[in-house]
C-alpha atoms as a PDB file:
ATOM      1  CA  UNK A   1      -5.263 -19.631   0.245  1.00  0.00           C
ATOM      2  CA  UNK A   2      -4.518 -17.019   2.685  1.00  0.00           C
ATOM      3  CA  UNK A   3      -1.203 -17.449   4.346  1.00  0.00           C
ATOM      4  CA  UNK A   4      -1.618 -14.263   6.305  1.00  0.00           C
ATOM      5  CA  UNK A   5      -3.307 -10.844   5.932  1.00  0.00           C
ATOM      6  CA  UNK A   6      -2.985  -7.187   7.774  1.00  0.00           C
ATOM      7  CA  UNK A   7      -6.300  -6.693   9.501  1.00  0.00           C
ATOM      8  CA  UNK A   8      -8.086  -3.668  10.642  1.00  0.00           C
ATOM      9  CA  UNK A   9      -8.275  -4.283  14.453  1.00  0.00           C
ATOM     10  CA  UNK A  10      -9.644  -0.976  15.737  1.00  0.00           C
ATOM     11  CA  UNK A  11     -13.428  -0.864  16.620  1.00  0.00           C
ATOM     12  CA  UNK A  12     -13.893   1.917  14.817  1.00  0.00           C
ATOM     13  CA  UNK A  13     -13.411   0.322  11.255  1.00  0.00           C
ATOM     14  CA  UNK A  14     -16.435  -1.895  12.006  1.00  0.00           C
ATOM     15  CA  UNK A  15     -18.526   1.197  13.199  1.00  0.00           C
ATOM     16  CA  UNK A  16     -18.064   2.864   9.972  1.00  0.00           C
ATOM     17  CA  UNK A  17     -19.560  -0.244   8.566  1.00  0.00           C
ATOM     18  CA  UNK A  18     -22.324  -0.221  11.644  1.00  0.00           C
ATOM     19  CA  UNK A  19     -22.369   2.564  13.679  1.00  0.00           C
ATOM     20  CA  UNK A  20     -24.486   0.786  16.177  1.00  0.00           C
ATOM     21  CA  UNK A  21     -21.797  -2.022  16.079  1.00  0.00           C
ATOM     22  CA  UNK A  22     -20.992  -3.129  19.867  1.00  0.00           C
ATOM     23  CA  UNK A  23     -17.670  -4.790  21.136  1.00  0.00           C
ATOM     24  CA  UNK A  24     -17.956  -7.827  22.843  1.00  0.00           C
ATOM     25  CA  UNK A  25     -16.033  -6.604  25.581  1.00  0.00           C
ATOM     26  CA  UNK A  26     -16.539 -10.099  27.918  1.00  0.00           C
ATOM     27  CA  UNK A  27     -14.740 -12.193  24.895  1.00  0.00           C
ATOM     28  CA  UNK A  28     -12.083  -9.804  25.042  1.00  0.00           C
ATOM     29  CA  UNK A  29     -11.405  -9.890  28.458  1.00  0.00           C
ATOM     30  CA  UNK A  30     -11.624 -13.682  28.535  1.00  0.00           C
ATOM     31  CA  UNK A  31      -8.966 -13.967  25.671  1.00  0.00           C
ATOM     32  CA  UNK A  32      -6.538 -11.593  27.415  1.00  0.00           C
ATOM     33  CA  UNK A  33      -6.897 -13.467  30.824  1.00  0.00           C
ATOM     34  CA  UNK A  34      -6.541 -16.399  29.058  1.00  0.00           C
ATOM     35  CA  UNK A  35      -3.439 -15.507  27.554  1.00  0.00           C
ATOM     36  CA  UNK A  36      -1.977 -13.993  30.477  1.00  0.00           C
ATOM     37  CA  UNK A  37      -3.167 -16.996  32.924  1.00  0.00           C
ATOM     38  CA  UNK A  38      -2.517 -19.956  30.149  1.00  0.00           C
ATOM     39  CA  UNK A  39       0.827 -18.925  28.944  1.00  0.00           C
ATOM     40  CA  UNK A  40       1.519 -21.914  27.117  1.00  0.00           C
ATOM     41  CA  UNK A  41       1.031 -22.253  24.177  1.00  0.00           C
ATOM     42  CA  UNK A  42       0.740 -18.472  23.742  1.00  0.00           C
ATOM     43  CA  UNK A  43      -2.293 -17.289  22.239  1.00  0.00           C
ATOM     44  CA  UNK A  44      -0.868 -14.623  19.491  1.00  0.00           C
ATOM     45  CA  UNK A  45      -2.741 -11.262  19.128  1.00  0.00           C
ATOM     46  CA  UNK A  46      -1.684  -8.635  16.684  1.00  0.00           C
ATOM     47  CA  UNK A  47      -0.148  -5.659  18.410  1.00  0.00           C
ATOM     48  CA  UNK A  48      -2.881  -3.220  16.652  1.00  0.00           C
ATOM     49  CA  UNK A  49      -5.820  -5.173  18.466  1.00  0.00           C
ATOM     50  CA  UNK A  50      -4.026  -4.940  21.778  1.00  0.00           C
ATOM     51  CA  UNK A  51      -3.253  -1.172  21.017  1.00  0.00           C
ATOM     52  CA  UNK A  52      -6.727  -0.330  20.998  1.00  0.00           C
ATOM     53  CA  UNK A  53      -7.451  -1.543  24.544  1.00  0.00           C
ATOM     54  CA  UNK A  54      -3.631  -0.367  25.855  1.00  0.00           C
ATOM     55  CA  UNK A  55      -4.361   2.919  24.793  1.00  0.00           C
ATOM     56  CA  UNK A  56      -7.762   3.452  25.832  1.00  0.00           C
ATOM     57  CA  UNK A  57      -8.726   5.460  28.829  1.00  0.00           C
ATOM     58  CA  UNK A  58     -12.256   4.269  28.932  1.00  0.00           C
ATOM     59  CA  UNK A  59     -13.215   2.890  32.484  1.00  0.00           C
ATOM     60  CA  UNK A  60     -15.453  -0.256  31.221  1.00  0.00           C
ATOM     61  CA  UNK A  61     -11.555  -1.239  29.147  1.00  0.00           C
ATOM     62  CA  UNK A  62      -9.666  -1.067  32.134  1.00  0.00           C
ATOM     63  CA  UNK A  63      -9.244  -4.948  33.015  1.00  0.00           C
ATOM     64  CA  UNK A  64      -8.317  -5.580  30.030  1.00  0.00           C
ATOM     65  CA  UNK A  65      -5.764  -2.870  29.652  1.00  0.00           C
ATOM     66  CA  UNK A  66      -4.156  -4.228  32.751  1.00  0.00           C
ATOM     67  CA  UNK A  67      -3.970  -7.882  31.325  1.00  0.00           C
ATOM     68  CA  UNK A  68      -2.300  -6.230  28.401  1.00  0.00           C
ATOM     69  CA  UNK A  69      -0.130  -4.791  30.499  1.00  0.00           C
ATOM     70  CA  UNK A  70       0.819  -7.616  33.124  1.00  0.00           C
ATOM     71  CA  UNK A  71       1.393  -9.946  30.035  1.00  0.00           C
ATOM     72  CA  UNK A  72       3.646  -7.438  28.371  1.00  0.00           C
ATOM     73  CA  UNK A  73       5.719  -7.087  31.427  1.00  0.00           C
ATOM     74  CA  UNK A  74       5.802 -10.685  31.925  1.00  0.00           C
ATOM     75  CA  UNK A  75       7.131 -11.263  28.423  1.00  0.00           C
ATOM     76  CA  UNK A  76       9.608  -8.574  28.909  1.00  0.00           C
ATOM     77  CA  UNK A  77      11.130 -10.122  31.854  1.00  0.00           C
ATOM     78  CA  UNK A  78      11.249 -13.391  30.257  1.00  0.00           C
ATOM     79  CA  UNK A  79      12.721 -11.958  26.967  1.00  0.00           C
ATOM     80  CA  UNK A  80      15.485 -10.522  29.254  1.00  0.00           C
ATOM     81  CA  UNK A  81      16.554 -13.601  30.925  1.00  0.00           C
ATOM     82  CA  UNK A  82      16.732 -15.579  27.668  1.00  0.00           C
ATOM     83  CA  UNK A  83      18.554 -12.741  25.855  1.00  0.00           C
ATOM     84  CA  UNK A  84      21.028 -13.108  28.979  1.00  0.00           C
ATOM     85  CA  UNK A  85      21.348 -16.753  28.791  1.00  0.00           C
ATOM     86  CA  UNK A  86      22.103 -16.575  25.314  1.00  0.00           C
ATOM     87  CA  UNK A  87      24.664 -14.132  25.684  1.00  0.00           C
ATOM     88  CA  UNK A  88      26.364 -16.103  27.787  1.00  0.00           C
ATOM     89  CA  UNK A  89      25.893 -19.359  25.553  1.00  0.00           C
ATOM     90  CA  UNK A  90      27.409 -16.952  22.404  1.00  0.00           C
ATOM     91  CA  UNK A  91      30.570 -16.312  25.078  1.00  0.00           C
ATOM     92  CA  UNK A  92      31.038 -19.681  26.133  1.00  0.00           C
ATOM     93  CA  UNK A  93      31.023 -20.803  22.200  1.00  0.00           C
ATOM     94  CA  UNK A  94      33.443 -18.007  21.303  1.00  0.00           C
ATOM     95  CA  UNK A  95      35.829 -18.966  23.827  1.00  0.00           C
ATOM     96  CA  UNK A  96      35.692 -22.963  22.877  1.00  0.00           C
ATOM     97  CA  UNK A  97      35.937 -21.761  19.302  1.00  0.00           C
ATOM     98  CA  UNK A  98      39.050 -19.829  19.834  1.00  0.00           C
ATOM     99  CA  UNK A  99      40.751 -22.907  22.136  1.00  0.00           C
ATOM    100  CA  UNK A 100      39.723 -26.127  19.922  1.00  0.00           C
ATOM    101  CA  UNK A 101      37.359 -25.447  17.229  1.00  0.00           C
ATOM    102  CA  UNK A 102      34.008 -28.173  17.367  1.00  0.00           C
ATOM    103  CA  UNK A 103      30.691 -28.628  15.587  1.00  0.00           C
ATOM    104  CA  UNK A 104      29.078 -28.286  18.764  1.00  0.00           C
ATOM    105  CA  UNK A 105      30.613 -24.711  19.271  1.00  0.00           C
ATOM    106  CA  UNK A 106      30.136 -23.632  15.735  1.00  0.00           C
ATOM    107  CA  UNK A 107      26.661 -24.275  16.292  1.00  0.00           C
ATOM    108  CA  UNK A 108      25.961 -22.909  19.555  1.00  0.00           C
ATOM    109  CA  UNK A 109      27.482 -19.528  18.011  1.00  0.00           C
ATOM    110  CA  UNK A 110      25.192 -19.767  15.241  1.00  0.00           C
ATOM    111  CA  UNK A 111      22.077 -20.527  17.350  1.00  0.00           C
ATOM    112  CA  UNK A 112      22.781 -17.992  20.014  1.00  0.00           C
ATOM    113  CA  UNK A 113      23.639 -15.176  17.479  1.00  0.00           C
ATOM    114  CA  UNK A 114      20.312 -15.566  16.092  1.00  0.00           C
ATOM    115  CA  UNK A 115      18.308 -16.110  19.021  1.00  0.00           C
ATOM    116  CA  UNK A 116      19.818 -12.849  20.487  1.00  0.00           C
ATOM    117  CA  UNK A 117      18.453 -11.045  17.279  1.00  0.00           C
ATOM    118  CA  UNK A 118      15.249 -12.129  17.762  1.00  0.00           C
ATOM    119  CA  UNK A 119      15.122 -11.696  21.666  1.00  0.00           C
ATOM    120  CA  UNK A 120      16.222  -8.063  21.051  1.00  0.00           C
ATOM    121  CA  UNK A 121      13.799  -7.440  18.092  1.00  0.00           C
ATOM    122  CA  UNK A 122      10.911  -8.532  20.555  1.00  0.00           C
ATOM    123  CA  UNK A 123      12.394  -6.414  23.328  1.00  0.00           C
ATOM    124  CA  UNK A 124      12.104  -3.182  20.754  1.00  0.00           C
ATOM    125  CA  UNK A 125       8.517  -4.490  19.585  1.00  0.00           C
ATOM    126  CA  UNK A 126       7.523  -4.444  23.420  1.00  0.00           C
ATOM    127  CA  UNK A 127       8.695  -1.141  24.115  1.00  0.00           C
ATOM    128  CA  UNK A 128       7.634   0.670  21.228  1.00  0.00           C
ATOM    129  CA  UNK A 129       4.233   2.595  21.408  1.00  0.00           C
ATOM    130  CA  UNK A 130       3.960   3.559  17.924  1.00  0.00           C
ATOM    131  CA  UNK A 131       2.436   1.053  15.657  1.00  0.00           C
ATOM    132  CA  UNK A 132       4.339   0.041  12.793  1.00  0.00           C
ATOM    133  CA  UNK A 133       3.258  -1.603   9.314  1.00  0.00           C
ATOM    134  CA  UNK A 134       3.798  -5.135  10.497  1.00  0.00           C
ATOM    135  CA  UNK A 135       1.815  -5.069  13.802  1.00  0.00           C
ATOM    136  CA  UNK A 136      -1.706  -5.672  12.303  1.00  0.00           C
ATOM    137  CA  UNK A 137      -0.490  -9.022  10.776  1.00  0.00           C
ATOM    138  CA  UNK A 138      -1.738 -12.178  11.660  1.00  0.00           C
ATOM    139  CA  UNK A 139      -0.909 -15.817  10.850  1.00  0.00           C
ATOM    140  CA  UNK A 140      -3.059 -19.163  10.879  1.00  0.00           C
ATOM    141  CA  UNK A 141      -3.391 -19.765  14.595  1.00  0.00           C
ATOM    142  CA  UNK A 142      -3.743 -15.915  15.735  1.00  0.00           C
ATOM    143  CA  UNK A 143      -6.607 -14.267  16.946  1.00  0.00           C
ATOM    144  CA  UNK A 144      -8.606 -11.295  15.021  1.00  0.00           C
ATOM    145  CA  UNK A 145     -11.467  -9.096  15.445  1.00  0.00           C
ATOM    146  CA  UNK A 146     -14.584 -10.518  13.372  1.00  0.00           C
ATOM    147  CA  UNK A 147     -17.725  -9.010  12.738  1.00  0.00           C
ATOM    148  CA  UNK A 148     -20.995 -10.888  12.989  1.00  0.00           C
ATOM    149  CA  UNK A 149     -24.389 -10.381  13.684  1.00  0.00           C
ATOM    150  CA  UNK A 150     -26.080 -11.946  17.060  1.00  0.00           C
ATOM    151  CA  UNK A 151     -30.001 -11.401  17.598  1.00  0.00           C
ATOM    152  CA  UNK A 152     -30.098  -9.140  15.210  1.00  0.00           C
ATOM    153  CA  UNK A 153     -27.256  -7.086  16.692  1.00  0.00           C
ATOM    154  CA  UNK A 154     -23.526  -6.510  14.884  1.00  0.00           C
ATOM    155  CA  UNK A 155     -20.952  -7.441  17.328  1.00  0.00           C
ATOM    156  CA  UNK A 156     -17.049  -7.645  17.044  1.00  0.00           C
ATOM    157  CA  UNK A 157     -15.203 -10.407  18.636  1.00  0.00           C
ATOM    158  CA  UNK A 158     -12.343 -12.252  18.943  1.00  0.00           C
ATOM    159  CA  UNK A 159     -11.950 -15.172  17.117  1.00  0.00           C
ATOM    160  CA  UNK A 160      -9.259 -17.719  16.014  1.00  0.00           C
ATOM    161  CA  UNK A 161      -7.863 -17.781  12.311  1.00  0.00           C
ATOM    162  CA  UNK A 162      -7.985 -21.298  11.899  1.00  0.00           C
ATOM    163  CA  UNK A 163     -11.726 -22.397  12.466  1.00  0.00           C
ATOM    164  CA  UNK A 164     -12.549 -25.766  14.721  1.00  0.00           C
ATOM    165  CA  UNK A 165     -16.178 -26.595  13.817  1.00  0.00           C
ATOM    166  CA  UNK A 166     -18.677 -27.218  16.572  1.00  0.00           C
ATOM    167  CA  UNK A 167     -18.632 -30.657  18.028  1.00  0.00           C
ATOM    168  CA  UNK A 168     -15.292 -31.866  16.471  1.00  0.00           C
ATOM    169  CA  UNK A 169     -12.357 -33.082  19.012  1.00  0.00           C
ATOM    170  CA  UNK A 170      -9.564 -31.134  19.608  1.00  0.00           C
ATOM    171  CA  UNK A 171      -7.216 -32.744  17.634  1.00  0.00           C
ATOM    172  CA  UNK A 172      -9.243 -31.461  14.619  1.00  0.00           C
ATOM    173  CA  UNK A 173      -6.742 -28.371  14.379  1.00  0.00           C
ATOM    174  CA  UNK A 174      -4.039 -30.529  13.796  1.00  0.00           C
ATOM    175  CA  UNK A 175      -5.818 -33.352  11.609  1.00  0.00           C
ATOM    176  CA  UNK A 176      -6.918 -30.360   9.278  1.00  0.00           C
ATOM    177  CA  UNK A 177      -4.541 -27.770   9.556  1.00  0.00           C
ATOM    178  CA  UNK A 178      -5.453 -25.682   6.466  1.00  0.00           C
ATOM    179  CA  UNK A 179      -8.786 -24.982   8.224  1.00  0.00           C
ATOM    180  CA  UNK A 180      -7.990 -21.341   8.285  1.00  0.00           C
ATOM    181  CA  UNK A 181      -9.300 -21.049   4.915  1.00  0.00           C
ATOM    182  CA  UNK A 182     -12.561 -22.064   3.313  1.00  0.00           C
ATOM    183  CA  UNK A 183     -12.701 -23.051  -0.582  1.00  0.00           C
ATOM    184  CA  UNK A 184     -15.496 -21.912  -2.339  1.00  0.00           C
ATOM    185  CA  UNK A 185     -15.989 -24.871  -3.857  1.00  0.00           C
ATOM    186  CA  UNK A 186     -16.295 -26.872  -1.093  1.00  0.00           C
ATOM    187  CA  UNK A 187     -18.645 -24.619   1.141  1.00  0.00           C
ATOM    188  CA  UNK A 188     -21.155 -27.189   0.388  1.00  0.00           C
ATOM    189  CA  UNK A 189     -19.582 -29.955   1.354  1.00  0.00           C
ATOM    190  CA  UNK A 190     -16.756 -29.842   4.065  1.00  0.00           C
ATOM    191  CA  UNK A 191     -18.371 -26.185   5.390  1.00  0.00           C
ATOM    192  CA  UNK A 192     -21.967 -27.260   5.113  1.00  0.00           C
ATOM    193  CA  UNK A 193     -22.801 -26.412   8.954  1.00  0.00           C
ATOM    194  CA  UNK A 194     -21.317 -23.064   8.366  1.00  0.00           C
ATOM    195  CA  UNK A 195     -22.402 -22.184   5.143  1.00  0.00           C
ATOM    196  CA  UNK A 196     -25.956 -20.458   5.353  1.00  0.00           C
ATOM    197  CA  UNK A 197     -25.444 -20.751   8.934  1.00  0.00           C
ATOM    198  CA  UNK A 198     -22.586 -18.563  10.706  1.00  0.00           C
ATOM    199  CA  UNK A 199     -21.124 -15.984   8.695  1.00  0.00           C
ATOM    200  CA  UNK A 200     -18.703 -13.263   9.562  1.00  0.00           C
ATOM    201  CA  UNK A 201     -16.486 -10.546   8.520  1.00  0.00           C
ATOM    202  CA  UNK A 202     -12.967  -9.463   8.714  1.00  0.00           C
ATOM    203  CA  UNK A 203     -11.761  -6.634   7.466  1.00  0.00           C
ATOM    204  CA  UNK A 204      -8.087  -6.551   5.676  1.00  0.00           C
ATOM    205  CA  UNK A 205      -5.739  -4.134   4.253  1.00  0.00           C
ATOM    206  CA  UNK A 206      -3.376  -6.664   2.433  1.00  0.00           C
ATOM    207  CA  UNK A 207      -2.808 -10.274   2.186  1.00  0.00           C
ATOM    208  CA  UNK A 208       0.431 -12.540   1.967  1.00  0.00           C
ATOM    209  CA  UNK A 209       0.809 -15.470   0.060  1.00  0.00           C
ATOM    210  CA  UNK A 210       3.639 -18.082  -0.651  1.00  0.00           C
ATOM    211  CA  UNK A 211       4.494 -18.358  -4.553  1.00  0.00           C
ATOM    212  CA  UNK A 212       6.769 -20.851  -6.265  1.00  0.00           C
ATOM    213  CA  UNK A 213       9.944 -18.616  -7.722  1.00  0.00           C
ATOM    214  CA  UNK A 214      12.708 -20.269  -9.583  1.00  0.00           C
ATOM    215  CA  UNK A 215      12.472 -23.414  -7.376  1.00  0.00           C
ATOM    216  CA  UNK A 216      12.304 -21.321  -4.043  1.00  0.00           C
ATOM    217  CA  UNK A 217       9.816 -20.192  -1.754  1.00  0.00           C
ATOM    218  CA  UNK A 218       8.914 -16.422  -1.489  1.00  0.00           C
ATOM    219  CA  UNK A 219       5.866 -14.589   0.183  1.00  0.00           C
ATOM    220  CA  UNK A 220       4.007 -11.877  -1.970  1.00  0.00           C
ATOM    221  CA  UNK A 221       2.327  -8.833  -0.609  1.00  0.00           C
ATOM    222  CA  UNK A 222      -1.046  -8.045  -2.616  1.00  0.00           C
ATOM    223  CA  UNK A 223      -2.715  -4.692  -1.829  1.00  0.00           C
ATOM    224  CA  UNK A 224      -5.732  -3.673  -3.581  1.00  0.00           C
ATOM    225  CA  UNK A 225      -5.598  -0.670  -6.020  1.00  0.00           C
ATOM    226  CA  UNK A 226      -6.666   1.835  -5.028  1.00  0.00           C
ATOM    227  CA  UNK A 227      -6.105   1.172  -1.238  1.00  0.00           C
ATOM    228  CA  UNK A 228      -9.046   0.003   0.439  1.00  0.00           C
ATOM    229  CA  UNK A 229     -10.517  -1.922   3.367  1.00  0.00           C
ATOM    230  CA  UNK A 230     -11.522  -5.460   2.014  1.00  0.00           C
ATOM    231  CA  UNK A 231     -14.508  -6.826   3.657  1.00  0.00           C
ATOM    232  CA  UNK A 232     -13.656 -10.413   3.351  1.00  0.00           C
ATOM    233  CA  UNK A 233     -16.524 -13.039   3.787  1.00  0.00           C
ATOM    234  CA  UNK A 234     -15.397 -15.558   6.412  1.00  0.00           C
ATOM    235  CA  UNK A 235     -17.321 -18.345   8.320  1.00  0.00           C
ATOM    236  CA  UNK A 236     -17.054 -19.047  11.661  1.00  0.00           C
ATOM    237  CA  UNK A 237     -18.003 -21.750  14.659  1.00  0.00           C
ATOM    238  CA  UNK A 238     -18.236 -21.339  18.392  1.00  0.00           C
ATOM    239  CA  UNK A 239     -16.989 -24.659  19.770  1.00  0.00           C
ATOM    240  CA  UNK A 240     -18.194 -25.641  23.079  1.00  0.00           C
ATOM    241  CA  UNK A 241     -16.073 -28.471  25.347  1.00  0.00           C
ATOM    242  CA  UNK A 242     -17.489 -31.570  25.854  1.00  0.00           C
ATOM    243  CA  UNK A 243     -18.753 -32.604  29.417  1.00  0.00           C
ATOM    244  CA  UNK A 244     -15.803 -33.121  32.010  1.00  0.00           C
ATOM    245  CA  UNK A 245     -13.205 -31.326  29.745  1.00  0.00           C
ATOM    246  CA  UNK A 246     -10.508 -28.942  31.064  1.00  0.00           C
ATOM    247  CA  UNK A 247     -10.678 -26.929  27.254  1.00  0.00           C
ATOM    248  CA  UNK A 248     -11.733 -23.621  26.880  1.00  0.00           C
ATOM    249  CA  UNK A 249     -14.821 -22.776  24.626  1.00  0.00           C
ATOM    250  CA  UNK A 250     -13.217 -21.431  21.155  1.00  0.00           C
ATOM    251  CA  UNK A 251     -14.339 -18.983  18.518  1.00  0.00           C
ATOM    252  CA  UNK A 252     -13.065 -19.408  15.473  1.00  0.00           C
ATOM    253  CA  UNK A 253     -13.179 -18.467  11.711  1.00  0.00           C
ATOM    254  CA  UNK A 254     -11.882 -19.248   8.560  1.00  0.00           C
ATOM    255  CA  UNK A 255     -11.823 -16.953   4.935  1.00  0.00           C
ATOM    256  CA  UNK A 256     -13.213 -18.125   2.100  1.00  0.00           C
ATOM    257  CA  UNK A 257     -11.174 -18.068  -1.075  1.00  0.00           C
ATOM    258  CA  UNK A 258     -12.093 -18.297  -4.517  1.00  0.00           C
ATOM    259  CA  UNK A 259     -10.582 -18.584  -7.978  1.00  0.00           C
ATOM    260  CA  UNK A 260      -8.098 -15.838  -8.284  1.00  0.00           C
ATOM    261  CA  UNK A 261      -8.597 -12.779 -10.439  1.00  0.00           C
ATOM    262  CA  UNK A 262      -5.904 -12.644 -13.380  1.00  0.00           C
ATOM    263  CA  UNK A 263      -3.374 -10.472 -11.729  1.00  0.00           C
ATOM    264  CA  UNK A 264      -2.959 -12.810  -8.720  1.00  0.00           C
ATOM    265  CA  UNK A 265      -2.845 -16.083 -10.980  1.00  0.00           C
ATOM    266  CA  UNK A 266       0.013 -14.406 -12.890  1.00  0.00           C
ATOM    267  CA  UNK A 267       1.571 -13.738  -9.784  1.00  0.00           C
ATOM    268  CA  UNK A 268       1.731 -17.311  -9.083  1.00  0.00           C
ATOM    269  CA  UNK A 269      -1.108 -18.147  -6.889  1.00  0.00           C
ATOM    270  CA  UNK A 270      -4.088 -20.439  -6.986  1.00  0.00           C
ATOM    271  CA  UNK A 271      -6.410 -18.645  -4.651  1.00  0.00           C
ATOM    272  CA  UNK A 272      -7.726 -15.299  -3.591  1.00  0.00           C
ATOM    273  CA  UNK A 273     -10.222 -14.313  -0.835  1.00  0.00           C
ATOM    274  CA  UNK A 274     -13.430 -12.984  -1.520  1.00  0.00           C
ATOM    275  CA  UNK A 275     -13.897  -9.437  -1.114  1.00  0.00           C
ATOM    276  CA  UNK A 276     -17.800  -8.519  -0.225  1.00  0.00           C
ATOM    277  CA  UNK A 277     -19.408  -5.117  -1.404  1.00  0.00           C
ATOM    278  CA  UNK A 278     -20.121  -3.053   1.140  1.00  0.00           C
ATOM    279  CA  UNK A 279     -23.699  -2.918   0.190  1.00  0.00           C
ATOM    280  CA  UNK A 280     -23.969  -6.887   0.375  1.00  0.00           C
ATOM    281  CA  UNK A 281     -22.601  -7.305   3.993  1.00  0.00           C
ATOM    282  CA  UNK A 282     -25.383  -7.128   5.949  1.00  0.00           C
ATOM    283  CA  UNK A 283     -27.069  -9.566   3.565  1.00  0.00           C
ATOM    284  CA  UNK A 284     -24.164 -11.790   4.235  1.00  0.00           C
ATOM    285  CA  UNK A 285     -24.235 -11.749   7.485  1.00  0.00           C
ATOM    286  CA  UNK A 286     -27.747 -12.310   8.026  1.00  0.00           C
ATOM    287  CA  UNK A 287     -27.911 -15.557   6.053  1.00  0.00           C
ATOM    288  CA  UNK A 288     -30.846 -17.278   8.037  1.00  0.00           C
ATOM    289  CA  UNK A 289     -34.021 -17.676   5.856  1.00  0.00           C
ATOM    290  CA  UNK A 290     -31.840 -16.881   2.667  1.00  0.00           C
ATOM    291  CA  UNK A 291     -31.095 -19.775   0.227  1.00  0.00           C
ATOM    292  CA  UNK A 292     -27.446 -20.926  -0.450  1.00  0.00           C
ATOM    293  CA  UNK A 293     -28.047 -19.592  -4.233  1.00  0.00           C
ATOM    294  CA  UNK A 294     -28.638 -16.171  -2.854  1.00  0.00           C
ATOM    295  CA  UNK A 295     -25.653 -16.465  -0.389  1.00  0.00           C
ATOM    296  CA  UNK A 296     -23.580 -17.576  -3.463  1.00  0.00           C
ATOM    297  CA  UNK A 297     -24.686 -14.675  -5.441  1.00  0.00           C
ATOM    298  CA  UNK A 298     -23.275 -12.245  -2.773  1.00  0.00           C
ATOM    299  CA  UNK A 299     -19.737 -14.043  -3.247  1.00  0.00           C
ATOM    300  CA  UNK A 300     -19.936 -13.638  -6.991  1.00  0.00           C
ATOM    301  CA  UNK A 301     -20.387 -10.503  -6.744  1.00  0.00           C
ATOM    302  CA  UNK A 302     -17.120  -9.201  -5.454  1.00  0.00           C
ATOM    303  CA  UNK A 303     -15.945  -5.757  -4.972  1.00  0.00           C
ATOM    304  CA  UNK A 304     -13.972  -4.360  -7.681  1.00  0.00           C
ATOM    305  CA  UNK A 305     -10.136  -4.092  -7.133  1.00  0.00           C
ATOM    306  CA  UNK A 306      -6.628  -4.623  -9.016  1.00  0.00           C
ATOM    307  CA  UNK A 307      -4.389  -6.799  -6.489  1.00  0.00           C
ATOM    308  CA  UNK A 308      -1.089  -5.376  -7.375  1.00  0.00           C
ATOM    309  CA  UNK A 309       1.981  -7.531  -5.423  1.00  0.00           C
ATOM    310  CA  UNK A 310       5.433  -7.037  -4.401  1.00  0.00           C
ATOM    311  CA  UNK A 311       7.753  -9.226  -2.333  1.00  0.00           C
ATOM    312  CA  UNK A 312       7.125  -9.179   1.185  1.00  0.00           C
ATOM    313  CA  UNK A 313       9.173  -7.154   3.571  1.00  0.00           C
END
């Protein structure tokens, strides 16, 4: 399954596919408003997705830009406060270790040191304006832009990378934590409400998988050769809260995975995301009126690529 992926978050990447694509400003605004007004649990978005709004001077994106700036400022204050607390904890632990070594003092020193490193890295990430390679990476539970068709129009919406099918209870997320991927061999079973009905595409430049090496888990980075944008076939759902619930509605998606090509299997992984051919994207995104056999044929007709791999940084 696709444990993590580096996504193309900028709207222009989707416009290259469909010049008449529309950005759902309302949904992005609601996402960033929810992230600011309901800080726990934190709604995680890749910095690359935030950047397309933070760096834009478009007037219709001004409210989103302000929400991102407010959230980042609050995160900076919170992180600086935690950094001060952990530095105090480290100093106290080191004094204790000098006077009378104890397990608690040793644990406090170790934990505080780790938390200080994490806080400093987070502050550096918040203050950095230029994007780095890791700023486009998402994990299960994170949000990413997904292309879909609505009323005959290509539209880009933010969706959570873990699908909660419509009608399911909120605890479905914890009962089925692997629903960020949809197995190809279960599309007509577990995913039968989405397959043939609600299809999307995520644009990915590389993906990451956990594999076992010499009894240990390592993370491998897979990148297509030649380098290219991968148009990944996805299923999505628009979950609506039941009457009387204080939950928010949720757009969420899963990436379809299939049997791996030889080079991915040889690297030690048993699944691989499905990369569509560009000429098949519109047919995939408009499944209504198409047979399941026709849609299966689109998934069979994968874009040609060789997935080279290396240890992830």
